[in-house]
Protein backbone atom coordinates (compact mmCIF):
# COMPACT_ATOMS: atom_id res chain seq x y z
CA UNK A 1 0.18 0.14 0.17
CA UNK A 2 1.49 3.42 -0.91
CA UNK A 3 1.59 6.21 1.77
CA UNK A 4 -0.87 8.43 0.26
CA UNK A 5 -3.39 5.72 0.60
CA UNK A 6 -2.63 4.91 3.57
CA UNK A 7 -2.93 8.01 4.84
CA UNK A 8 -6.13 8.49 3.45
CA UNK A 9 -7.57 5.14 5.15
CA UNK A 10 -6.29 6.23 8.27
CA UNK A 11 -8.20 9.75 8.42
CA UNK A 12 -11.42 8.14 6.83
CA UNK A 13 -10.69 5.83 9.90
CA UNK A 14 -11.21 2.51 7.57
CA UNK A 15 -9.34 0.83 10.00
CA UNK A 16 -10.36 -2.46 9.02
CA UNK A 17 -9.57 -2.36 5.21
CA UNK A 18 -5.97 -0.76 6.67
CA UNK A 19 -5.08 -3.68 8.74
CA UNK A 20 -6.02 -6.05 6.23
CA UNK A 21 -4.94 -4.56 2.92
CA UNK A 22 -2.55 -6.93 1.81
CA UNK A 23 -5.20 -10.10 2.39
CA UNK A 24 -7.71 -8.33 0.86
CA UNK A 25 -5.93 -7.65 -2.26
CA UNK A 26 -4.48 -11.14 -2.14
CA UNK A 27 -8.07 -12.66 -2.21
CA UNK A 28 -9.45 -10.23 -4.98
CA UNK A 29 -6.51 -11.58 -7.15
CA UNK A 30 -7.20 -15.49 -6.20
CA UNK A 31 -10.91 -14.83 -6.77
CA UNK A 32 -11.14 -12.06 -9.67
CA UNK A 33 -14.67 -10.96 -8.39
CA UNK A 34 -16.41 -7.77 -10.40
CA UNK A 35 -16.11 -4.76 -9.43
CA UNK A 36 -19.39 -4.45 -8.06
CA UNK A 37 -18.62 -7.91 -5.95
CA UNK A 38 -15.14 -6.60 -4.73
CA UNK A 39 -16.67 -2.85 -3.53
CA UNK A 40 -19.52 -4.53 -1.88
CA UNK A 41 -17.46 -7.26 0.16
CA UNK A 42 -14.73 -4.59 0.95
CA UNK A 43 -17.53 -1.96 2.22
CA UNK A 44 -19.22 -5.38 4.09
CA UNK A 45 -16.12 -6.08 6.01
CA UNK A 46 -15.33 -2.29 6.97
CA UNK A 47 -19.06 -2.14 8.20
CA UNK A 48 -19.04 -5.07 10.25
CA UNK A 49 -15.82 -4.32 12.23
CA UNK A 50 -17.33 -0.97 13.07
CA UNK A 51 -20.49 -2.83 14.25
CA UNK A 52 -18.29 -5.01 16.59
CA UNK A 53 -15.90 -2.04 17.64
CA UNK A 54 -19.03 -0.62 18.90
CA UNK A 55 -20.43 -3.27 20.78
CA UNK A 56 -17.52 -3.93 22.46
CA UNK A 57 -17.52 -0.26 23.04
CA UNK A 58 -21.07 -0.41 24.44
CA UNK A 59 -20.11 -3.81 26.45
CA UNK A 60 -17.26 -1.87 28.21
CA UNK A 61 -19.91 1.14 29.33
CA UNK A 62 -22.36 -1.09 30.76
CA UNK A 63 -19.66 -2.20 33.49
CA UNK A 64 -20.55 -5.21 34.03
CA UNK A 65 -19.46 -7.38 36.87
CA UNK A 66 -19.58 -10.55 35.36
CA UNK A 67 -20.22 -11.29 31.50
CA UNK A 68 -23.14 -13.92 32.28
CA UNK A 69 -24.25 -15.61 28.91
CA UNK A 70 -27.54 -17.60 28.81
CA UNK A 71 -26.23 -20.67 27.10
CA UNK A 72 -24.23 -20.99 30.68
CA UNK A 73 -27.02 -20.61 33.15
CA UNK A 74 -27.30 -24.38 34.27
CA UNK A 75 -31.19 -24.71 33.91
CA UNK A 76 -30.54 -28.37 35.10
CA UNK A 77 -29.75 -27.54 38.40
CA UNK A 78 -32.98 -25.05 38.72
CA UNK A 79 -35.74 -27.44 37.39
CA UNK A 80 -38.76 -25.37 39.29
CA UNK A 81 -37.38 -22.38 36.87
CA UNK A 82 -39.67 -22.26 33.82
CA UNK A 83 -36.79 -22.55 31.12
CA UNK A 84 -39.04 -22.01 28.31
CA UNK A 85 -40.15 -18.69 29.41
CA UNK A 86 -36.77 -17.50 30.17
CA UNK A 87 -35.79 -18.22 26.36
CA UNK A 88 -39.03 -16.93 24.91
CA UNK A 89 -38.31 -13.47 26.85
CA UNK A 90 -34.67 -13.83 25.72
CA UNK A 91 -35.48 -15.27 21.86
CA UNK A 92 -38.42 -12.72 20.92
CA UNK A 93 -36.47 -9.98 22.59
CA UNK A 94 -40.09 -8.74 23.75
CA UNK A 95 -38.55 -7.02 26.57
CA UNK A 96 -36.73 -4.65 24.35
CA UNK A 97 -39.13 -4.06 21.46
CA UNK A 98 -42.21 -3.68 24.06
CA UNK A 99 -40.10 -1.74 26.39
CA UNK A 100 -41.09 -4.13 29.03
CA UNK A 101 -39.45 -4.56 32.41
CA UNK A 102 -37.96 -7.94 33.86
CA UNK A 103 -38.37 -8.61 37.49
CA UNK A 104 -36.55 -11.68 38.99
CA UNK A 105 -37.24 -12.24 42.54
CA UNK A 106 -35.63 -15.35 44.39
CA UNK A 107 -32.85 -15.93 47.26
CA UNK A 108 -29.50 -15.15 47.38
CA UNK A 109 -27.49 -17.23 44.94
CA UNK A 110 -30.29 -18.67 42.50
CA UNK A 111 -28.73 -17.00 39.47
CA UNK A 112 -30.46 -13.69 39.27
CA UNK A 113 -27.92 -11.73 38.49
CA UNK A 114 -26.70 -14.16 35.97
CA UNK A 115 -30.03 -14.09 33.96
CA UNK A 116 -30.20 -10.44 33.75
CA UNK A 117 -26.66 -9.95 32.85
CA UNK A 118 -27.79 -12.25 30.14
CA UNK A 119 -30.60 -10.25 28.98
CA UNK A 120 -28.61 -7.00 29.05
CA UNK A 121 -25.92 -8.54 27.13
CA UNK A 122 -28.40 -9.68 24.71
CA UNK A 123 -29.69 -6.08 24.35
CA UNK A 124 -26.41 -4.92 23.70
CA UNK A 125 -25.51 -7.26 21.53
CA UNK A 126 -28.75 -5.93 19.56
CA UNK A 127 -27.40 -2.41 19.29
CA UNK A 128 -28.65 -0.71 22.42
CA UNK A 129 -27.22 1.15 25.26
CA UNK A 130 -26.99 -0.55 28.50
CA UNK A 131 -25.98 -0.28 31.79
CA UNK A 132 -25.35 -2.60 35.16
CA UNK A 133 -25.52 -1.13 38.33
CA UNK A 134 -26.20 -2.25 41.85
CA UNK A 135 -29.20 -0.76 43.94
CA UNK A 136 -27.10 0.41 46.71
CA UNK A 137 -24.53 2.52 43.92
CA UNK A 138 -27.39 3.68 41.94
CA UNK A 139 -28.38 5.36 44.64
CA UNK A 140 -25.59 6.59 45.93
CA UNK A 141 -24.78 8.19 42.27
CA UNK A 142 -28.22 9.44 42.40
CA UNK A 143 -27.93 11.13 46.07
CA UNK A 144 -24.54 12.53 45.25
CA UNK A 145 -25.55 14.22 42.30
CA UNK A 146 -28.00 16.49 44.32
CA UNK A 147 -24.76 17.50 46.47
CA UNK A 148 -23.33 19.11 43.63
CA UNK A 149 -26.46 20.17 41.45
CA UNK A 150 -25.71 17.86 38.55
CA UNK A 151 -28.95 15.36 39.36
CA UNK A 152 -30.51 16.53 36.07
CA UNK A 153 -27.66 15.13 34.07
CA UNK A 154 -27.05 11.94 36.21
CA UNK A 155 -30.79 11.31 36.05
CA UNK A 156 -31.08 11.94 32.25
CA UNK A 157 -28.32 9.39 31.66
CA UNK A 158 -29.92 6.41 33.63
CA UNK A 159 -33.09 7.34 32.17
CA UNK A 160 -31.47 7.06 28.40
CA UNK A 161 -30.23 3.71 28.90
CA UNK A 162 -32.11 1.40 26.48
CA UNK A 163 -31.48 -1.58 28.90
CA UNK A 164 -30.88 -1.17 32.66
CA UNK A 165 -30.17 -3.62 34.94
CA UNK A 166 -30.46 -2.77 38.70
CA UNK A 167 -29.45 -5.70 41.01
CA UNK A 168 -29.87 -6.28 44.55
CA UNK A 169 -33.02 -4.28 45.05
CA UNK A 170 -33.60 -4.09 49.02
CA UNK A 171 -30.54 -4.59 50.36
CA UNK A 172 -30.66 -1.79 52.24
CA UNK A 173 -32.98 0.92 53.74
CA UNK A 174 -33.12 4.26 51.88
CA UNK A 175 -33.97 7.84 53.21
CA UNK A 176 -36.91 9.60 51.55
CA UNK A 177 -34.42 11.33 49.56
CA UNK A 178 -33.14 8.31 47.85
CA UNK A 179 -36.58 7.08 47.67
CA UNK A 180 -38.04 9.81 46.08
CA UNK A 181 -34.93 10.06 42.92
CA UNK A 182 -35.61 6.37 42.50
CA UNK A 183 -39.34 6.55 42.01
CA UNK A 184 -38.64 9.47 39.81
CA UNK A 185 -36.15 7.57 37.73
CA UNK A 186 -38.39 4.62 37.31
CA UNK A 187 -41.40 6.94 36.55
CA UNK A 188 -38.95 8.40 33.72
CA UNK A 189 -38.14 5.06 32.36
CA UNK A 190 -41.86 3.51 32.20
CA UNK A 191 -42.88 2.11 29.15
CA UNK A 192 -39.80 4.30 27.73
CA UNK A 193 -37.14 1.82 28.10
CA UNK A 194 -36.29 -1.46 29.25
CA UNK A 195 -35.21 -2.19 33.04
CA UNK A 196 -34.52 -5.49 34.75
CA UNK A 197 -34.69 -6.01 38.36
CA UNK A 198 -32.87 -8.72 40.56
CA UNK A 199 -34.14 -8.93 44.01
CA UNK A 200 -34.58 -11.39 47.15
CA UNK A 201 -37.85 -9.89 48.39
CA UNK A 202 -41.71 -9.97 47.02
CA UNK A 203 -43.36 -6.93 46.17
CA UNK A 204 -45.28 -6.40 49.42
CA UNK A 205 -41.95 -6.45 51.31
CA UNK A 206 -40.49 -3.25 49.52
CA UNK A 207 -41.91 -1.21 51.93
CA UNK A 208 -39.27 -2.07 54.25
CA UNK A 209 -36.85 -0.64 52.80
CA UNK A 210 -38.76 1.97 50.99
CA UNK A 211 -39.95 3.25 54.32
CA UNK A 212 -43.08 4.71 52.56
CA UNK A 213 -46.49 2.87 51.90
CA UNK A 214 -47.74 5.14 49.56
CA UNK A 215 -44.42 5.66 47.26
CA UNK A 216 -43.93 1.59 47.43
CA UNK A 217 -47.44 1.46 46.00
CA UNK A 218 -47.18 3.77 43.44
CA UNK A 219 -43.95 2.32 42.41
CA UNK A 220 -45.03 -1.83 42.64
CA UNK A 221 -48.10 -0.79 40.56
CA UNK A 222 -45.93 1.19 37.80
CA UNK A 223 -42.92 -1.70 37.60
CA UNK A 224 -45.39 -4.34 37.78
CA UNK A 225 -47.80 -3.06 35.36
CA UNK A 226 -45.46 -3.60 32.64
CA UNK A 227 -43.16 -6.53 33.52
CA UNK A 228 -42.53 -10.09 33.04
CA UNK A 229 -42.04 -11.07 36.69
CA UNK A 230 -39.74 -14.51 37.11
CA UNK A 231 -40.59 -15.86 40.38
CA UNK A 232 -37.31 -17.92 41.57
CA UNK A 233 -38.53 -18.52 45.34
CA UNK A 234 -38.28 -22.06 44.97
CA UNK A 235 -34.94 -22.41 43.10
CA UNK A 236 -31.69 -23.96 44.49
CA UNK A 237 -28.47 -21.70 45.21
CA UNK A 238 -26.26 -22.35 42.63
CA UNK A 239 -23.32 -21.60 45.10
CA UNK A 240 -21.00 -24.03 46.44
CA UNK A 241 -21.89 -24.52 50.49
CA UNK A 242 -19.09 -23.54 52.70
CA UNK A 243 -18.81 -27.43 53.50
CA UNK A 244 -17.90 -28.28 49.97
CA UNK A 245 -15.07 -26.09 49.42
């Protein structure tokens, strides 16, 4: 490749063509395609590479704790879990196309976070923007924004994610300000984006950490009215027992 062409490809950020120019030219000489077919193939290679770079960038920005995939979930160890329903939600992408919530309710270690993460990664692979965050971290970030008067910016950021996973909801009690901000965020996302929640607590127990019966009722009603609720209360813990270590 001559220097002028290399500089132009760098300027245009056609990195796939730049990186594999010799291989591309060797393949063209071997197959001798038409100009149209060769150009289409060249554009397709660059397009696919750019899509993959975007996907990896979105995955990085999602701040996943672990990259769980649905294929790795041990359904065989959870006979009480409706595998067909989980796969239907995943394969149909209904939670994304209909902007529905998905709420996993069950004990610690049942794999709620893994399933939620798998749905988030699926959304990102479909070209959507997503984020994983624990409930305490979300509340802290929202609450800190009040101190530096950036609450509008922070609220808008979390409201804008196509798919937001909130993990471990209900592990901590929250003050009225945090409860109000969380409700506001859920209200802004209602029927506009997908929120995936994992929690140990049934809906009737949410008042315990929200400390506001009226706000809790409004929050549950809003979330539940547009959600797939996956009851994992009878699921086994997938974590090894201390005696097994």
